[in-house]
């Protein structure tokens, strides 16, 4: 490498060292003053989850107005209904008429 390249690399390294010193001087005291315990983290996460749940519930309750007809309820057939009444005419399957096949 030539001298110009070495000089540019040296300037980049010096600039990075200055940035690192500034970050250590200004940013690290902020993080060293803030301390989290496991209980505090648990409480914070619980509050966030409750907030998200309340928000989702509020949004769903706003959109809960029915725009279509309510679903039809199932009504069972009368007890006297036969198989034909329930399923229509029963036709034998062409596969069961083969005498070589023994169906239990």
N, C-alpha and C. Protein backbone atom coordinates (compact mmCIF):
# COMPACT_ATOMS: atom_id res chain seq x y z
N UNK A 1 0.85 -1.18 0.00
CA UNK A 1 0.00 0.00 0.00
C UNK A 1 0.89 1.24 0.00
N UNK A 2 0.41 2.26 -0.65
CA UNK A 2 1.19 3.48 -0.73
C UNK A 2 0.95 4.36 0.50
N UNK A 3 1.68 5.43 0.56
CA UNK A 3 1.61 6.32 1.73
C UNK A 3 0.25 7.01 1.87
N UNK A 4 -0.36 7.36 0.76
CA UNK A 4 -1.66 8.03 0.83
C UNK A 4 -2.73 7.10 1.43
N UNK A 5 -2.72 5.83 1.03
CA UNK A 5 -3.67 4.86 1.57
C UNK A 5 -3.44 4.66 3.06
N UNK A 6 -2.19 4.55 3.46
CA UNK A 6 -1.89 4.39 4.88
C UNK A 6 -2.34 5.60 5.69
N UNK A 7 -2.19 6.78 5.12
CA UNK A 7 -2.60 8.00 5.82
C UNK A 7 -4.13 8.05 5.98
N UNK A 8 -4.85 7.66 4.92
CA UNK A 8 -6.32 7.63 5.01
C UNK A 8 -6.80 6.59 6.03
N UNK A 9 -6.17 5.43 6.03
CA UNK A 9 -6.54 4.41 7.02
C UNK A 9 -6.26 4.90 8.44
N UNK A 10 -5.16 5.58 8.63
CA UNK A 10 -4.82 6.10 9.96
C UNK A 10 -5.86 7.14 10.40
N UNK A 11 -6.32 7.99 9.45
CA UNK A 11 -7.34 8.98 9.79
C UNK A 11 -8.67 8.29 10.17
N UNK A 12 -9.03 7.23 9.44
CA UNK A 12 -10.25 6.49 9.77
C UNK A 12 -10.16 5.86 11.15
N UNK A 13 -9.02 5.28 11.46
CA UNK A 13 -8.84 4.64 12.77
C UNK A 13 -8.90 5.68 13.87
N UNK A 14 -8.29 6.84 13.65
CA UNK A 14 -8.32 7.90 14.66
C UNK A 14 -9.75 8.42 14.87
N UNK A 15 -10.52 8.57 13.78
CA UNK A 15 -11.89 9.03 13.90
C UNK A 15 -12.75 8.01 14.65
N UNK A 16 -12.52 6.73 14.40
CA UNK A 16 -13.26 5.69 15.12
C UNK A 16 -12.91 5.68 16.60
N UNK A 17 -11.65 5.92 16.91
CA UNK A 17 -11.25 5.97 18.32
C UNK A 17 -11.91 7.15 19.03
N UNK A 18 -12.00 8.30 18.35
CA UNK A 18 -12.67 9.47 18.94
C UNK A 18 -14.15 9.18 19.17
N UNK A 19 -14.80 8.52 18.20
CA UNK A 19 -16.22 8.18 18.37
C UNK A 19 -16.41 7.21 19.53
N UNK A 20 -15.52 6.25 19.66
CA UNK A 20 -15.62 5.30 20.76
C UNK A 20 -15.46 5.99 22.11
N UNK A 21 -14.52 6.93 22.19
CA UNK A 21 -14.33 7.66 23.44
C UNK A 21 -15.55 8.51 23.78
N UNK A 22 -16.15 9.16 22.77
CA UNK A 22 -17.35 9.94 23.02
C UNK A 22 -18.51 9.07 23.49
N UNK A 23 -18.67 7.89 22.86
CA UNK A 23 -19.74 6.99 23.29
C UNK A 23 -19.51 6.51 24.72
N UNK A 24 -18.29 6.18 25.05
CA UNK A 24 -18.00 5.72 26.42
C UNK A 24 -18.25 6.84 27.42
N UNK A 25 -17.94 8.05 27.02
CA UNK A 25 -18.09 9.18 27.94
C UNK A 25 -19.56 9.55 28.15
N UNK A 26 -20.36 9.52 27.09
CA UNK A 26 -21.73 10.03 27.17
C UNK A 26 -22.81 8.96 27.26
N UNK A 27 -22.62 7.83 26.62
CA UNK A 27 -23.67 6.84 26.56
C UNK A 27 -23.62 5.86 27.72
N UNK A 28 -22.47 5.41 28.09
CA UNK A 28 -22.37 4.39 29.12
C UNK A 28 -22.89 4.82 30.48
N UNK A 29 -22.69 6.06 30.94
CA UNK A 29 -23.28 6.40 32.23
C UNK A 29 -24.80 6.30 32.24
N UNK A 30 -25.43 6.50 31.10
CA UNK A 30 -26.87 6.36 31.03
C UNK A 30 -27.26 4.91 31.32
N UNK A 31 -26.56 3.96 30.74
CA UNK A 31 -26.90 2.56 30.92
C UNK A 31 -26.45 2.02 32.27
N UNK A 32 -25.45 2.61 32.86
CA UNK A 32 -25.02 2.12 34.17
C UNK A 32 -25.94 2.61 35.26
N UNK A 33 -26.68 3.69 35.02
CA UNK A 33 -27.62 4.19 36.02
C UNK A 33 -28.95 3.44 36.00
N UNK A 34 -29.30 2.89 34.88
CA UNK A 34 -30.57 2.17 34.76
C UNK A 34 -30.30 0.70 35.07
N UNK A 35 -30.99 0.17 36.05
CA UNK A 35 -30.83 -1.23 36.42
C UNK A 35 -32.20 -1.91 36.40
N UNK A 36 -32.23 -3.12 35.86
CA UNK A 36 -33.45 -3.90 35.79
C UNK A 36 -33.29 -5.14 36.65
N UNK A 37 -34.29 -5.40 37.45
CA UNK A 37 -34.32 -6.68 38.15
C UNK A 37 -35.27 -7.60 37.38
N UNK A 38 -35.23 -8.86 37.71
CA UNK A 38 -36.14 -9.79 37.03
C UNK A 38 -37.59 -9.48 37.36
N UNK A 39 -37.84 -9.08 38.60
CA UNK A 39 -39.20 -8.73 38.98
C UNK A 39 -39.68 -7.49 38.20
N UNK A 40 -38.82 -6.50 38.07
CA UNK A 40 -39.19 -5.31 37.31
C UNK A 40 -39.45 -5.62 35.85
N UNK A 41 -38.62 -6.49 35.28
CA UNK A 41 -38.82 -6.89 33.89
C UNK A 41 -40.13 -7.66 33.73
N UNK A 42 -40.44 -8.54 34.70
CA UNK A 42 -41.69 -9.30 34.66
C UNK A 42 -42.90 -8.37 34.75
N UNK A 43 -42.84 -7.41 35.64
CA UNK A 43 -43.96 -6.46 35.80
C UNK A 43 -44.13 -5.63 34.53
N UNK A 44 -43.02 -5.17 33.97
CA UNK A 44 -43.08 -4.38 32.74
C UNK A 44 -43.69 -5.19 31.59
N UNK A 45 -43.25 -6.43 31.43
CA UNK A 45 -43.79 -7.26 30.35
C UNK A 45 -45.27 -7.57 30.58
N UNK A 46 -45.66 -7.77 31.82
CA UNK A 46 -47.07 -8.03 32.12
C UNK A 46 -47.92 -6.83 31.77
N UNK A 47 -47.46 -5.65 32.12
CA UNK A 47 -48.22 -4.43 31.81
C UNK A 47 -48.33 -4.22 30.30
N UNK A 48 -47.27 -4.49 29.58
CA UNK A 48 -47.31 -4.35 28.12
C UNK A 48 -48.30 -5.36 27.53
N UNK A 49 -48.28 -6.60 28.03
CA UNK A 49 -49.21 -7.62 27.51
C UNK A 49 -50.66 -7.25 27.82
N UNK A 50 -50.91 -6.74 29.00
CA UNK A 50 -52.28 -6.33 29.35
C UNK A 50 -52.71 -5.17 28.47
N UNK A 51 -51.82 -4.22 28.22
CA UNK A 51 -52.15 -3.09 27.35
C UNK A 51 -52.47 -3.54 25.93
N UNK A 52 -51.69 -4.47 25.41
CA UNK A 52 -51.97 -4.99 24.07
C UNK A 52 -53.29 -5.74 24.05
N UNK A 53 -53.58 -6.50 25.11
CA UNK A 53 -54.84 -7.24 25.18
C UNK A 53 -56.04 -6.32 25.23
N UNK A 54 -55.94 -5.26 26.02
CA UNK A 54 -57.05 -4.30 26.11
C UNK A 54 -57.26 -3.61 24.77
N UNK A 55 -56.17 -3.26 24.11
CA UNK A 55 -56.27 -2.62 22.80
C UNK A 55 -56.93 -3.55 21.79
N UNK A 56 -56.51 -4.81 21.77
CA UNK A 56 -57.11 -5.78 20.83
C UNK A 56 -58.58 -5.99 21.14
N UNK A 57 -58.94 -6.06 22.42
CA UNK A 57 -60.35 -6.24 22.80
C UNK A 57 -61.18 -5.04 22.37
N UNK A 58 -60.63 -3.83 22.55
CA UNK A 58 -61.37 -2.64 22.16
C UNK A 58 -61.58 -2.59 20.64
N UNK A 59 -60.56 -2.97 19.90
CA UNK A 59 -60.69 -2.96 18.44
C UNK A 59 -61.69 -4.00 17.98
N UNK A 60 -61.65 -5.19 18.59
CA UNK A 60 -62.60 -6.24 18.20
C UNK A 60 -64.03 -5.86 18.57
N UNK A 61 -64.20 -5.19 19.70
CA UNK A 61 -65.57 -4.84 20.10
C UNK A 61 -66.14 -3.76 19.20
N UNK A 62 -65.29 -2.93 18.62
CA UNK A 62 -65.77 -1.93 17.66
C UNK A 62 -66.22 -2.60 16.37
N UNK A 63 -65.55 -3.66 15.98
CA UNK A 63 -65.87 -4.35 14.73
C UNK A 63 -66.85 -5.49 14.92
N UNK A 64 -67.45 -5.63 16.08
CA UNK A 64 -68.29 -6.80 16.34
C UNK A 64 -69.73 -6.62 15.87
N UNK A 65 -70.09 -5.49 15.31
CA UNK A 65 -71.45 -5.29 14.82
C UNK A 65 -71.69 -6.24 13.66
N UNK A 66 -72.74 -7.09 13.74
CA UNK A 66 -72.94 -8.07 12.68
C UNK A 66 -73.36 -7.39 11.38
N UNK A 67 -72.69 -7.76 10.31
CA UNK A 67 -73.03 -7.20 9.00
C UNK A 67 -73.82 -8.21 8.18
N UNK A 68 -73.89 -9.46 8.62
CA UNK A 68 -74.65 -10.48 7.91
C UNK A 68 -75.68 -11.06 8.86
N UNK A 69 -76.51 -11.91 8.33
CA UNK A 69 -77.53 -12.56 9.15
C UNK A 69 -76.87 -13.53 10.11
N UNK A 70 -77.46 -13.72 11.28
CA UNK A 70 -76.86 -14.66 12.23
C UNK A 70 -76.90 -16.07 11.67
N UNK A 71 -75.99 -16.94 12.08
CA UNK A 71 -75.96 -18.30 11.53
C UNK A 71 -77.21 -19.08 11.93
N UNK A 72 -77.61 -19.98 11.06
CA UNK A 72 -78.78 -20.81 11.32
C UNK A 72 -78.43 -21.86 12.36
N UNK A 73 -79.33 -22.08 13.28
CA UNK A 73 -79.12 -23.10 14.29
C UNK A 73 -79.53 -24.46 13.74
N UNK A 74 -78.85 -25.50 14.19
CA UNK A 74 -79.16 -26.85 13.74
C UNK A 74 -80.44 -27.34 14.40
N UNK A 75 -81.34 -27.84 13.59
CA UNK A 75 -82.56 -28.46 14.13
C UNK A 75 -82.54 -29.93 13.74
N UNK A 76 -82.54 -30.82 14.71
CA UNK A 76 -82.48 -32.25 14.38
C UNK A 76 -83.75 -32.71 13.69
N UNK A 77 -83.66 -33.74 12.89
CA UNK A 77 -84.86 -34.25 12.22
C UNK A 77 -85.80 -34.90 13.23
N UNK A 78 -87.06 -35.05 12.88
CA UNK A 78 -87.99 -35.71 13.80
C UNK A 78 -87.59 -37.16 14.02
N UNK A 79 -87.95 -37.73 15.16
CA UNK A 79 -87.54 -39.11 15.45
C UNK A 79 -88.12 -40.13 14.48
N UNK A 80 -89.18 -39.81 13.79
CA UNK A 80 -89.79 -40.78 12.88
C UNK A 80 -89.16 -40.73 11.49
N UNK A 81 -88.14 -39.95 11.30
CA UNK A 81 -87.52 -39.82 9.98
C UNK A 81 -86.79 -41.10 9.61
N UNK A 82 -86.91 -41.49 8.34
CA UNK A 82 -86.22 -42.68 7.86
C UNK A 82 -84.92 -42.26 7.18
N UNK A 83 -84.15 -43.27 6.79
CA UNK A 83 -82.88 -42.99 6.12
C UNK A 83 -83.11 -42.25 4.81
N UNK A 84 -84.18 -42.61 4.12
CA UNK A 84 -84.48 -41.95 2.86
C UNK A 84 -84.88 -40.50 3.07
N UNK A 85 -85.57 -40.21 4.18
CA UNK A 85 -85.93 -38.83 4.49
C UNK A 85 -84.69 -37.99 4.77
N UNK A 86 -83.70 -38.61 5.41
CA UNK A 86 -82.50 -37.86 5.79
C UNK A 86 -81.52 -37.68 4.64
N UNK A 87 -81.27 -38.75 3.88
CA UNK A 87 -80.19 -38.72 2.90
C UNK A 87 -80.67 -38.83 1.46
N UNK A 88 -81.94 -38.95 1.23
CA UNK A 88 -82.44 -39.10 -0.12
C UNK A 88 -82.47 -40.57 -0.50
N UNK A 89 -82.84 -40.87 -1.76
CA UNK A 89 -82.93 -42.27 -2.18
C UNK A 89 -81.56 -42.94 -2.13
N UNK A 90 -81.54 -44.15 -1.62
CA UNK A 90 -80.29 -44.90 -1.48
C UNK A 90 -80.12 -45.78 -2.70
N UNK A 91 -79.00 -45.61 -3.38
CA UNK A 91 -78.70 -46.45 -4.54
C UNK A 91 -77.51 -47.31 -4.18
N UNK A 92 -77.53 -48.57 -4.56
CA UNK A 92 -76.40 -49.44 -4.22
C UNK A 92 -75.16 -49.05 -5.01
N UNK A 93 -74.03 -49.24 -4.43
CA UNK A 93 -72.77 -48.92 -5.08
C UNK A 93 -72.44 -50.00 -6.09
N UNK A 94 -71.89 -49.64 -7.24
CA UNK A 94 -71.55 -50.67 -8.24
C UNK A 94 -70.42 -51.57 -7.76
N UNK A 95 -69.66 -51.15 -6.78
CA UNK A 95 -68.53 -51.95 -6.31
C UNK A 95 -68.96 -53.04 -5.34
N UNK A 96 -70.12 -52.90 -4.72
CA UNK A 96 -70.55 -53.90 -3.75
C UNK A 96 -71.32 -55.05 -4.38
N UNK A 97 -71.63 -54.94 -5.66
CA UNK A 97 -72.41 -55.99 -6.32
C UNK A 97 -71.53 -57.09 -6.88
N UNK A 98 -70.20 -56.98 -6.76
CA UNK A 98 -69.30 -58.00 -7.27
C UNK A 98 -69.33 -59.21 -6.34
N UNK A 99 -69.69 -60.40 -6.85
CA UNK A 99 -69.80 -61.58 -5.98
C UNK A 99 -68.46 -62.08 -5.47
N UNK A 100 -67.36 -61.70 -6.12
CA UNK A 100 -66.05 -62.16 -5.69
C UNK A 100 -65.54 -61.41 -4.46
N UNK A 101 -66.15 -60.27 -4.15
CA UNK A 101 -65.70 -59.46 -3.03
C UNK A 101 -66.53 -59.81 -1.81
N UNK A 102 -65.88 -60.18 -0.74
CA UNK A 102 -66.58 -60.52 0.49
C UNK A 102 -66.49 -59.32 1.43
N UNK A 103 -67.62 -58.66 1.61
CA UNK A 103 -67.67 -57.49 2.51
C UNK A 103 -68.27 -57.93 3.81
N UNK A 104 -67.56 -57.75 4.93
CA UNK A 104 -68.10 -58.18 6.22
C UNK A 104 -69.25 -57.31 6.67
